[in-house]
Amino acid sequence: MIKKTLYFGNPAYLSLRNAQLVIKIPEVEKNLSLPESMKRSSEITKPIEDIGVVVLDNKQITITSGAMEALLENNCAFITCDSKGMPVGLLLPLYGNTTQNERFRKQLDASLPLKKQLWQQTIQAKINNQASVLSDCTNEEIKCMRAWANAVRSGDPDNLEARAAAYYWKMLFTDIDDFTREREGVPPNNLLNYGYAILRAVVARGLVCSGLLPTLGIHHHNRYNAYCLADDIMEPYRPYVDKLVFELYGRCGKDVVLDKEMKAALLSIPTREVRIAGKRSPLMVAVGQTTASLYKCFSGESRRIIYPEY
């Protein structure tokens, strides 16, 4: 089943009733001139089990402890936003699998050669997906990127990921002089930042559901990063965000603003269709397949992560 992403950009009161998330609007509740029947009809309920991601983008949102507990028990990811509307926090369940301790141990015991091989597979999948996005956007076959993907060695000691990224961004937004991918860079970096934050939450949620520690990466190891493994595993999925941003930028131009319309489009990321293991699947479901295959690599059942192919 495809989990829903709920976005709250206005004041709201969220509570729990009969395994349902109850959504109330304070302005309606406090309006004494409205009849009670109208107030009750303004309530919205959503089954807890259907929700995968919740985005809180307003300082006047109240959520009860019971609602948070129920959502986290059903492996929901919470994203909180700052005053600029950008994701600033991520809350995940403490555990999402019945054999949690065993899975942690398998992950912790993973050898360095295995991690390097997994990173090689990850970068190969990322560069190939980037090449496919470029081919879609420029109508040309990007042979150099295919060659770089094939040349990636265990652990990527030649840093072909960076070489491919420099070429990729230059070719993707050719109408922007010397475009570079930077957090504080010119648009559409603002859209990319938001899209990647949503993707990161989906991947982190998938890792927790598979009983893995999202902090312990196979390559990323920044001491201040609580989601190193999520940042590793999301790499081959980034091009799906890039293609969506490319389409949005093409419609709006250089002055694109991260408004509610843009956010609504970017919040479709978890349901974007991808192709994985020869079948079409929503991105959130595909992430679950990827994280499950990663655990199999840690446990010795497999030597390959299942990634989507653009």
Protein backbone atom coordinates (compact mmCIF):
# COMPACT_ATOMS: atom_id res chain seq x y z
CA MET A 1 0.00 0.00 0.00
CA ILE A 2 1.24 3.50 -0.86
CA LYS A 3 1.65 5.60 2.28
CA LYS A 4 0.33 9.17 2.19
CA THR A 5 2.37 12.35 2.73
CA LEU A 6 0.50 14.97 4.75
CA TYR A 7 1.58 18.62 4.59
CA PHE A 8 0.38 21.23 7.09
CA GLY A 9 1.14 24.83 6.13
CA ASN A 10 -1.59 26.52 8.18
CA PRO A 11 -2.47 26.49 11.90
CA ALA A 12 -3.92 23.10 12.82
CA TYR A 13 -4.76 20.92 15.80
CA LEU A 14 -3.84 17.24 15.35
CA SER A 15 -5.11 14.58 17.71
CA LEU A 16 -5.92 10.87 17.86
CA ARG A 17 -9.32 9.19 17.93
CA ASN A 18 -10.11 5.54 17.16
CA ALA A 19 -6.78 4.97 15.37
CA GLN A 20 -7.51 7.99 13.19
CA LEU A 21 -5.57 11.24 12.93
CA VAL A 22 -8.09 13.99 13.59
CA ILE A 23 -7.34 17.32 11.91
CA LYS A 24 -9.05 20.46 13.18
CA ILE A 25 -8.63 24.08 12.07
CA PRO A 26 -8.37 26.49 15.08
CA GLU A 27 -10.02 29.38 13.24
CA VAL A 28 -13.12 27.25 12.69
CA GLU A 29 -13.11 25.87 16.23
CA LYS A 30 -12.92 29.34 17.82
CA ASN A 31 -15.53 30.97 15.59
CA LEU A 32 -18.55 31.29 17.89
CA SER A 33 -20.82 32.35 15.05
CA LEU A 34 -20.56 28.99 13.31
CA PRO A 35 -23.02 26.20 14.22
CA GLU A 36 -21.65 23.05 15.86
CA SER A 37 -22.71 20.94 12.87
CA MET A 38 -20.48 23.01 10.59
CA LYS A 39 -17.57 22.73 13.03
CA ARG A 40 -17.91 18.95 13.14
CA SER A 41 -18.10 18.73 9.35
CA SER A 42 -14.86 20.72 9.09
CA GLU A 43 -12.99 17.93 10.92
CA ILE A 44 -10.87 15.71 8.70
CA THR A 45 -9.79 12.21 9.72
CA LYS A 46 -7.05 10.06 8.21
CA PRO A 47 -6.27 6.42 9.14
CA ILE A 48 -2.96 6.34 11.01
CA GLU A 49 -1.83 3.24 9.11
CA ASP A 50 -2.13 5.07 5.77
CA ILE A 51 0.33 7.85 6.69
CA GLY A 52 4.04 7.62 5.86
CA VAL A 53 5.33 11.20 6.11
CA VAL A 54 4.03 14.28 7.96
CA VAL A 55 5.39 17.76 7.16
CA LEU A 56 4.78 20.48 9.77
CA ASP A 57 5.31 23.91 8.19
CA ASN A 58 3.65 26.36 10.58
CA LYS A 59 4.54 27.55 14.08
CA GLN A 60 0.89 27.34 15.19
CA ILE A 61 0.46 23.60 14.77
CA THR A 62 -0.44 21.60 17.87
CA ILE A 63 -0.11 17.81 17.91
CA THR A 64 -1.01 15.62 20.86
CA SER A 65 1.36 13.09 22.38
CA GLY A 66 -1.11 10.32 21.56
CA ALA A 67 -1.17 11.23 17.89
CA MET A 68 2.64 11.35 17.72
CA GLU A 69 2.91 7.99 19.48
CA ALA A 70 0.47 6.31 17.11
CA LEU A 71 2.15 7.74 14.03
CA LEU A 72 5.64 6.71 15.17
CA GLU A 73 4.42 3.22 16.05
CA ASN A 74 3.30 2.96 12.43
CA ASN A 75 6.75 4.01 11.15
CA CYS A 76 5.80 7.54 10.14
CA ALA A 77 8.49 10.17 9.57
CA PHE A 78 7.97 13.72 10.90
CA ILE A 79 9.55 16.68 9.10
CA THR A 80 9.52 20.07 10.83
CA CYS A 81 10.26 23.30 8.97
CA ASP A 82 11.91 26.57 9.99
CA SER A 83 10.58 30.12 9.62
CA LYS A 84 11.62 30.10 5.94
CA GLY A 85 9.59 26.96 5.26
CA MET A 86 12.68 24.77 4.80
CA PRO A 87 12.93 21.34 6.50
CA VAL A 88 15.01 21.68 9.65
CA GLY A 89 14.21 18.56 11.70
CA LEU A 90 13.40 14.88 11.23
CA LEU A 91 11.78 12.60 13.80
CA LEU A 92 11.78 8.82 13.31
CA PRO A 93 10.69 5.78 15.35
CA LEU A 94 13.30 4.33 17.73
CA TYR A 95 12.76 0.92 16.21
CA GLY A 96 10.89 -0.46 13.23
CA ASN A 97 11.70 -4.16 13.17
CA THR A 98 11.12 -7.08 15.54
CA THR A 99 14.73 -8.35 15.24
CA GLN A 100 16.23 -4.92 15.83
CA ASN A 101 19.22 -5.93 17.97
CA GLU A 102 20.28 -8.71 15.61
CA ARG A 103 20.08 -6.37 12.62
CA PHE A 104 22.09 -3.69 14.39
CA ARG A 105 24.83 -6.22 15.09
CA LYS A 106 24.95 -7.37 11.46
CA GLN A 107 25.27 -3.76 10.36
CA LEU A 108 27.95 -2.95 12.93
CA ASP A 109 29.94 -6.05 11.96
CA ALA A 110 29.99 -5.22 8.23
CA SER A 111 33.55 -5.35 6.90
CA LEU A 112 35.31 -2.44 5.21
CA PRO A 113 35.67 -4.32 1.88
CA LEU A 114 31.91 -4.97 1.88
CA LYS A 115 31.16 -1.29 2.55
CA LYS A 116 33.47 -0.25 -0.28
CA GLN A 117 31.75 -2.67 -2.67
CA LEU A 118 28.33 -1.36 -1.64
CA TRP A 119 29.51 2.21 -2.20
CA GLN A 120 30.79 1.22 -5.65
CA GLN A 121 27.35 -0.15 -6.52
CA THR A 122 25.69 2.97 -5.14
CA ILE A 123 27.79 5.38 -7.19
CA GLN A 124 27.45 3.29 -10.34
CA ALA A 125 23.66 3.38 -9.96
CA LYS A 126 23.70 7.13 -9.25
CA ILE A 127 25.82 8.05 -12.27
CA ASN A 128 23.79 5.81 -14.58
CA ASN A 129 20.55 7.41 -13.36
CA GLN A 130 22.07 10.88 -13.79
CA ALA A 131 23.06 9.95 -17.35
CA SER A 132 19.49 8.82 -18.06
CA VAL A 133 18.05 12.08 -16.71
CA LEU A 134 20.46 14.09 -18.89
CA SER A 135 19.51 11.99 -21.88
CA ASP A 136 15.83 12.72 -21.20
CA CYS A 137 16.42 16.45 -20.75
CA THR A 138 18.89 17.03 -23.61
CA ASN A 139 17.77 14.28 -26.03
CA GLU A 140 21.37 13.14 -26.34
CA GLU A 141 23.09 9.97 -25.15
CA ILE A 142 25.64 10.87 -22.47
CA LYS A 143 28.37 8.37 -23.27
CA CYS A 144 31.05 9.85 -21.00
CA MET A 145 28.87 9.35 -17.92
CA ARG A 146 28.16 5.75 -18.87
CA ALA A 147 31.92 5.25 -19.17
CA TRP A 148 32.51 6.83 -15.75
CA ALA A 149 29.82 4.60 -14.20
CA ASN A 150 31.50 1.49 -15.60
CA ALA A 151 34.90 2.70 -14.38
CA VAL A 152 33.90 3.15 -10.73
CA ARG A 153 36.07 0.92 -8.55
CA SER A 154 35.47 -0.42 -5.05
CA GLY A 155 35.12 2.57 -2.71
CA ASP A 156 35.33 4.99 -5.67
CA PRO A 157 38.98 5.97 -4.96
CA ASP A 158 39.11 8.01 -8.20
CA ASN A 159 36.17 10.13 -7.01
CA LEU A 160 34.28 9.62 -10.25
CA GLU A 161 31.12 10.64 -8.41
CA ALA A 162 32.41 14.23 -8.17
CA ARG A 163 33.60 14.28 -11.79
CA ALA A 164 30.23 13.06 -13.01
CA ALA A 165 28.38 15.53 -10.75
CA ALA A 166 30.32 18.53 -12.11
CA TYR A 167 29.50 17.54 -15.69
CA TYR A 168 25.90 16.65 -14.83
CA TRP A 169 24.97 19.97 -13.24
CA LYS A 170 26.69 21.95 -15.99
CA MET A 171 24.71 20.10 -18.66
CA LEU A 172 21.37 19.96 -16.84
CA PHE A 173 20.86 23.71 -16.41
CA THR A 174 22.68 25.08 -19.44
CA ASP A 175 20.77 28.39 -19.40
CA ILE A 176 22.25 29.30 -15.99
CA ASP A 177 25.84 30.55 -16.25
CA ASP A 178 28.21 28.24 -14.35
CA PHE A 179 25.42 26.62 -12.37
CA THR A 180 26.67 24.72 -9.32
CA ARG A 181 24.81 22.63 -6.82
CA GLU A 182 25.03 24.62 -3.56
CA ARG A 183 22.72 24.76 -0.57
CA GLU A 184 22.67 28.57 -0.64
CA GLY A 185 23.02 28.82 -4.42
CA VAL A 186 20.76 30.42 -7.01
CA PRO A 187 17.42 28.83 -7.97
CA PRO A 188 16.58 26.05 -8.55
CA ASN A 189 18.87 25.10 -5.64
CA ASN A 190 15.98 26.06 -3.36
CA LEU A 191 13.75 23.43 -4.96
CA LEU A 192 16.52 20.84 -4.88
CA ASN A 193 17.10 21.48 -1.17
CA TYR A 194 13.45 20.90 -0.39
CA GLY A 195 13.12 17.84 -2.61
CA TYR A 196 16.22 16.20 -1.17
CA ALA A 197 14.95 16.82 2.38
CA ILE A 198 11.74 14.95 1.55
CA LEU A 199 13.72 12.16 -0.11
CA ARG A 200 16.08 11.92 2.87
CA ALA A 201 13.14 11.48 5.25
CA VAL A 202 11.67 8.72 3.06
CA VAL A 203 15.00 6.87 2.93
CA ALA A 204 15.65 7.28 6.67
CA ARG A 205 12.17 5.90 7.34
CA GLY A 206 12.88 2.92 5.07
CA LEU A 207 16.12 2.17 6.90
CA VAL A 208 14.38 2.21 10.28
CA CYS A 209 11.64 -0.08 8.93
CA SER A 210 14.37 -2.50 7.81
CA GLY A 211 15.88 -2.48 11.29
CA LEU A 212 19.01 -0.50 10.38
CA LEU A 213 20.76 2.45 12.01
CA PRO A 214 20.40 5.46 9.69
CA THR A 215 23.38 7.08 11.46
CA LEU A 216 26.02 4.48 10.54
CA GLY A 217 26.93 5.03 6.89
CA ILE A 218 28.78 2.88 4.39
CA HIS A 219 30.63 5.96 3.10
CA HIS A 220 29.44 9.20 4.71
CA HIS A 221 30.83 9.54 8.22
CA ASN A 222 30.53 13.20 9.26
CA ARG A 223 30.55 13.24 13.06
CA TYR A 224 27.72 15.81 13.11
CA ASN A 225 25.44 13.93 10.69
CA ALA A 226 22.76 11.76 12.32
CA TYR A 227 21.68 10.29 8.97
CA CYS A 228 24.87 9.21 7.22
CA LEU A 229 23.42 5.93 5.93
CA ALA A 230 20.32 7.71 4.63
CA ASP A 231 22.59 10.12 2.74
CA ASP A 232 24.44 7.14 1.25
CA ILE A 233 21.40 5.17 0.14
CA MET A 234 19.50 8.14 -1.28
CA GLU A 235 22.22 8.90 -3.86
CA PRO A 236 20.76 6.84 -6.75
CA TYR A 237 17.32 8.30 -5.99
CA ARG A 238 18.46 11.94 -6.26
CA PRO A 239 18.11 12.03 -10.08
CA TYR A 240 14.36 11.46 -9.71
CA VAL A 241 14.18 14.66 -7.67
CA ASP A 242 16.43 16.41 -10.20
CA LYS A 243 14.10 15.51 -13.10
CA LEU A 244 11.06 16.83 -11.25
CA VAL A 245 12.90 20.07 -10.39
CA PHE A 246 14.04 20.40 -14.02
CA GLU A 247 10.40 20.21 -15.12
CA LEU A 248 9.25 22.74 -12.52
CA TYR A 249 12.09 25.10 -13.41
CA GLY A 250 11.24 24.79 -17.10
CA ARG A 251 7.72 25.96 -16.33
CA CYS A 252 8.58 28.84 -13.99
CA GLY A 253 12.00 30.08 -15.13
CA LYS A 254 14.90 31.62 -13.23
CA ASP A 255 12.75 33.41 -10.67
CA VAL A 256 11.11 30.22 -9.39
CA VAL A 257 9.97 30.61 -5.78
CA LEU A 258 9.50 27.84 -3.26
CA ASP A 259 5.84 28.62 -2.63
CA LYS A 260 3.02 26.28 -1.64
CA GLU A 261 2.42 25.26 -5.25
CA MET A 262 6.06 24.22 -5.65
CA LYS A 263 6.04 22.42 -2.30
CA ALA A 264 2.90 20.52 -3.29
CA ALA A 265 4.66 19.33 -6.45
CA LEU A 266 7.79 18.31 -4.54
CA LEU A 267 5.73 16.47 -1.92
CA SER A 268 4.74 14.06 -4.70
CA ILE A 269 8.26 12.61 -4.56
CA PRO A 270 7.32 9.59 -2.37
CA THR A 271 4.70 8.55 -4.94
CA ARG A 272 6.81 9.19 -8.07
CA GLU A 273 6.97 6.11 -10.24
CA VAL A 274 10.35 4.37 -10.49
CA ARG A 275 11.50 1.12 -12.08
CA ILE A 276 13.16 -1.35 -9.73
CA ALA A 277 13.91 -5.06 -10.19
CA GLY A 278 12.20 -4.89 -13.58
CA LYS A 279 8.89 -3.59 -12.18
CA ARG A 280 7.26 -0.19 -11.80
CA SER A 281 6.80 0.96 -8.23
CA PRO A 282 6.11 4.12 -6.18
CA LEU A 283 9.39 5.59 -4.92
CA MET A 284 8.56 5.00 -1.25
CA VAL A 285 7.87 1.31 -1.90
CA ALA A 286 11.07 1.03 -3.95
CA VAL A 287 13.08 2.54 -1.07
CA GLY A 288 11.76 -0.27 1.13
CA GLN A 289 13.09 -2.83 -1.36
CA THR A 290 16.46 -1.06 -1.40
CA THR A 291 16.81 -0.96 2.39
CA ALA A 292 15.68 -4.58 2.73
CA SER A 293 18.32 -5.64 0.18
CA LEU A 294 20.94 -3.63 2.10
CA TYR A 295 20.23 -5.64 5.23
CA LYS A 296 20.64 -8.85 3.21
CA CYS A 297 24.09 -7.59 2.21
CA PHE A 298 24.98 -6.99 5.87
CA SER A 299 23.68 -10.44 6.86
CA GLY A 300 25.60 -12.24 4.09
CA GLU A 301 22.50 -13.32 2.15
CA SER A 302 23.39 -11.12 -0.83
CA ARG A 303 26.23 -9.03 -2.24
CA ARG A 304 24.18 -6.50 -4.18
CA ILE A 305 21.86 -3.64 -3.24
CA ILE A 306 18.72 -3.36 -5.32
CA TYR A 307 18.52 0.18 -6.72
CA PRO A 308 16.06 1.71 -9.21
CA GLU A 309 17.03 2.14 -12.84
CA TYR A 310 15.82 5.36 -14.44
